[in-house]
Amino acid sequence: MAALRVAPYVCVYSDENEENLHIEIELPGVEKRDITFRMQETGFSIDAVRGDVRYVGTYAVSCPVDPDRAKATFKNGLLTVDVPYIEPTPEEVKEIAITE
């Protein structure tokens, strides 16, 4: 029997000083060894297994973060991640010629 795939409960907000993104993901009954958490500047993904339940999700963040400085802890079924914001790099803007 295939595992039931569900999206975990996720709560994301800025810390008090608006310097870090704070992420909380509820993973009831999951063991730390059964969690895969991946992060990049623009988002994160979670994949965690508990018996016949698989918690999966991919999420975008509105401001870029520094995944190299992320700190994660897992206790009592709650994965908590704090990651600092970074200054966005200016995008190169190109004017596109319009033809008839």
C-alpha atoms as a PDB file:
ATOM      1  CA  MET A   1       0.000   0.000   0.000  1.00  0.00           C
ATOM      2  CA  ALA A   2       1.350   3.426  -0.963  1.00  0.00           C
ATOM      3  CA  ALA A   3       1.837   6.085   1.683  1.00  0.00           C
ATOM      4  CA  LEU A   4      -0.866   8.718   2.067  1.00  0.00           C
ATOM      5  CA  ARG A   5       0.619  12.044   0.899  1.00  0.00           C
ATOM      6  CA  VAL A   6      -0.451  15.092   2.881  1.00  0.00           C
ATOM      7  CA  ALA A   7       0.775  18.665   3.214  1.00  0.00           C
ATOM      8  CA  PRO A   8       2.008  19.432   6.741  1.00  0.00           C
ATOM      9  CA  TYR A   9       0.816  22.436   8.711  1.00  0.00           C
ATOM     10  CA  VAL A  10       3.343  25.226   7.987  1.00  0.00           C
ATOM     11  CA  CYS A  11       3.618  28.630   9.662  1.00  0.00           C
ATOM     12  CA  VAL A  12       6.087  31.212   8.296  1.00  0.00           C
ATOM     13  CA  TYR A  13       6.726  34.729   9.614  1.00  0.00           C
ATOM     14  CA  SER A  14       9.455  37.320  10.254  1.00  0.00           C
ATOM     15  CA  ASP A  15      11.115  37.523  13.659  1.00  0.00           C
ATOM     16  CA  GLU A  16      10.620  40.570  15.889  1.00  0.00           C
ATOM     17  CA  ASN A  17      13.514  42.494  14.299  1.00  0.00           C
ATOM     18  CA  GLU A  18      12.546  41.452  10.763  1.00  0.00           C
ATOM     19  CA  GLU A  19      16.068  40.064  10.261  1.00  0.00           C
ATOM     20  CA  ASN A  20      15.181  36.373  10.013  1.00  0.00           C
ATOM     21  CA  LEU A  21      12.485  34.238   8.488  1.00  0.00           C
ATOM     22  CA  HIS A  22      11.014  31.851  11.057  1.00  0.00           C
ATOM     23  CA  ILE A  23       9.485  28.595   9.790  1.00  0.00           C
ATOM     24  CA  GLU A  24       7.508  26.074  11.851  1.00  0.00           C
ATOM     25  CA  ILE A  25       6.387  22.753  10.361  1.00  0.00           C
ATOM     26  CA  GLU A  26       4.245  20.287  12.325  1.00  0.00           C
ATOM     27  CA  LEU A  27       5.299  16.672  11.744  1.00  0.00           C
ATOM     28  CA  PRO A  28       3.464  14.615  14.394  1.00  0.00           C
ATOM     29  CA  GLY A  29       4.900  11.172  15.038  1.00  0.00           C
ATOM     30  CA  VAL A  30       7.833  11.669  12.648  1.00  0.00           C
ATOM     31  CA  GLU A  31      11.396  10.789  13.681  1.00  0.00           C
ATOM     32  CA  LYS A  32      14.226  13.255  12.902  1.00  0.00           C
ATOM     33  CA  ARG A  33      15.971  10.661  10.719  1.00  0.00           C
ATOM     34  CA  ASP A  34      12.877  10.507   8.465  1.00  0.00           C
ATOM     35  CA  ILE A  35      12.900  14.226   7.574  1.00  0.00           C
ATOM     36  CA  THR A  36      14.439  15.811   4.497  1.00  0.00           C
ATOM     37  CA  PHE A  37      14.367  19.612   4.512  1.00  0.00           C
ATOM     38  CA  ARG A  38      15.849  21.552   1.591  1.00  0.00           C
ATOM     39  CA  MET A  39      16.158  25.303   1.231  1.00  0.00           C
ATOM     40  CA  GLN A  40      17.226  27.807  -1.383  1.00  0.00           C
ATOM     41  CA  GLU A  41      17.098  31.611  -1.521  1.00  0.00           C
ATOM     42  CA  THR A  42      13.544  31.665  -2.807  1.00  0.00           C
ATOM     43  CA  GLY A  43      11.864  28.747  -1.069  1.00  0.00           C
ATOM     44  CA  PHE A  44      12.018  25.427   0.759  1.00  0.00           C
ATOM     45  CA  SER A  45      10.697  21.885   0.564  1.00  0.00           C
ATOM     46  CA  ILE A  46       9.879  19.239   3.138  1.00  0.00           C
ATOM     47  CA  ASP A  47       9.595  15.475   2.803  1.00  0.00           C
ATOM     48  CA  ALA A  48       8.967  13.450   5.960  1.00  0.00           C
ATOM     49  CA  VAL A  49       7.608   9.962   6.557  1.00  0.00           C
ATOM     50  CA  ARG A  50       5.670   8.468   9.445  1.00  0.00           C
ATOM     51  CA  GLY A  51       4.609   4.906   8.759  1.00  0.00           C
ATOM     52  CA  ASP A  52       2.015   5.075   5.999  1.00  0.00           C
ATOM     53  CA  VAL A  53       1.835   8.908   5.970  1.00  0.00           C
ATOM     54  CA  ARG A  54       4.187  11.054   3.919  1.00  0.00           C
ATOM     55  CA  TYR A  55       4.290  14.797   4.603  1.00  0.00           C
ATOM     56  CA  VAL A  56       5.396  16.674   1.475  1.00  0.00           C
ATOM     57  CA  GLY A  57       5.340  20.276   0.319  1.00  0.00           C
ATOM     58  CA  THR A  58       7.224  22.930  -1.592  1.00  0.00           C
ATOM     59  CA  TYR A  59       6.882  26.571  -0.579  1.00  0.00           C
ATOM     60  CA  ALA A  60       8.056  29.926  -1.942  1.00  0.00           C
ATOM     61  CA  VAL A  61       9.246  32.767   0.280  1.00  0.00           C
ATOM     62  CA  SER A  62       8.608  36.386  -0.606  1.00  0.00           C
ATOM     63  CA  CYS A  63      12.053  37.757   0.346  1.00  0.00           C
ATOM     64  CA  PRO A  64      15.364  36.050  -0.417  1.00  0.00           C
ATOM     65  CA  VAL A  65      17.078  34.229   2.449  1.00  0.00           C
ATOM     66  CA  ASP A  66      20.570  32.822   3.069  1.00  0.00           C
ATOM     67  CA  PRO A  67      20.185  29.025   3.233  1.00  0.00           C
ATOM     68  CA  ASP A  68      23.868  28.617   4.176  1.00  0.00           C
ATOM     69  CA  ARG A  69      23.119  30.283   7.529  1.00  0.00           C
ATOM     70  CA  ALA A  70      19.851  28.484   8.286  1.00  0.00           C
ATOM     71  CA  LYS A  71      19.491  26.800  11.688  1.00  0.00           C
ATOM     72  CA  ALA A  72      17.006  23.974  12.164  1.00  0.00           C
ATOM     73  CA  THR A  73      15.829  22.095  15.251  1.00  0.00           C
ATOM     74  CA  PHE A  74      13.314  19.299  15.674  1.00  0.00           C
ATOM     75  CA  LYS A  75      11.558  18.598  18.959  1.00  0.00           C
ATOM     76  CA  ASN A  76       8.241  16.969  19.862  1.00  0.00           C
ATOM     77  CA  GLY A  77       7.048  16.808  16.252  1.00  0.00           C
ATOM     78  CA  LEU A  78       7.855  20.454  15.449  1.00  0.00           C
ATOM     79  CA  LEU A  79      10.552  21.371  12.917  1.00  0.00           C
ATOM     80  CA  THR A  80      11.713  24.946  13.492  1.00  0.00           C
ATOM     81  CA  VAL A  81      13.974  26.771  11.041  1.00  0.00           C
ATOM     82  CA  ASP A  82      15.413  30.270  11.368  1.00  0.00           C
ATOM     83  CA  VAL A  83      17.161  31.743   8.353  1.00  0.00           C
ATOM     84  CA  PRO A  84      18.426  35.315   7.833  1.00  0.00           C
ATOM     85  CA  TYR A  85      17.158  37.498   5.045  1.00  0.00           C
ATOM     86  CA  ILE A  86      19.610  38.739   2.423  1.00  0.00           C
ATOM     87  CA  GLU A  87      19.541  41.834   0.282  1.00  0.00           C
ATOM     88  CA  PRO A  88      17.981  41.013  -3.048  1.00  0.00           C
ATOM     89  CA  THR A  89      20.290  41.330  -5.995  1.00  0.00           C
ATOM     90  CA  PRO A  90      19.052  43.849  -8.510  1.00  0.00           C
ATOM     91  CA  GLU A  91      17.692  42.165 -11.554  1.00  0.00           C
ATOM     92  CA  GLU A  92      19.003  43.155 -14.917  1.00  0.00           C
ATOM     93  CA  VAL A  93      16.215  44.912 -16.769  1.00  0.00           C
ATOM     94  CA  LYS A  94      16.228  44.839 -20.544  1.00  0.00           C
ATOM     95  CA  GLU A  95      14.073  46.918 -22.793  1.00  0.00           C
ATOM     96  CA  ILE A  96      12.497  44.802 -25.478  1.00  0.00           C
ATOM     97  CA  ALA A  97      11.980  46.341 -28.905  1.00  0.00           C
ATOM     98  CA  ILE A  98       8.466  45.964 -30.202  1.00  0.00           C
ATOM     99  CA  THR A  99       7.993  45.410 -33.895  1.00  0.00           C
ATOM    100  CA  GLU A 100       4.907  45.602 -36.032  1.00  0.00           C
END
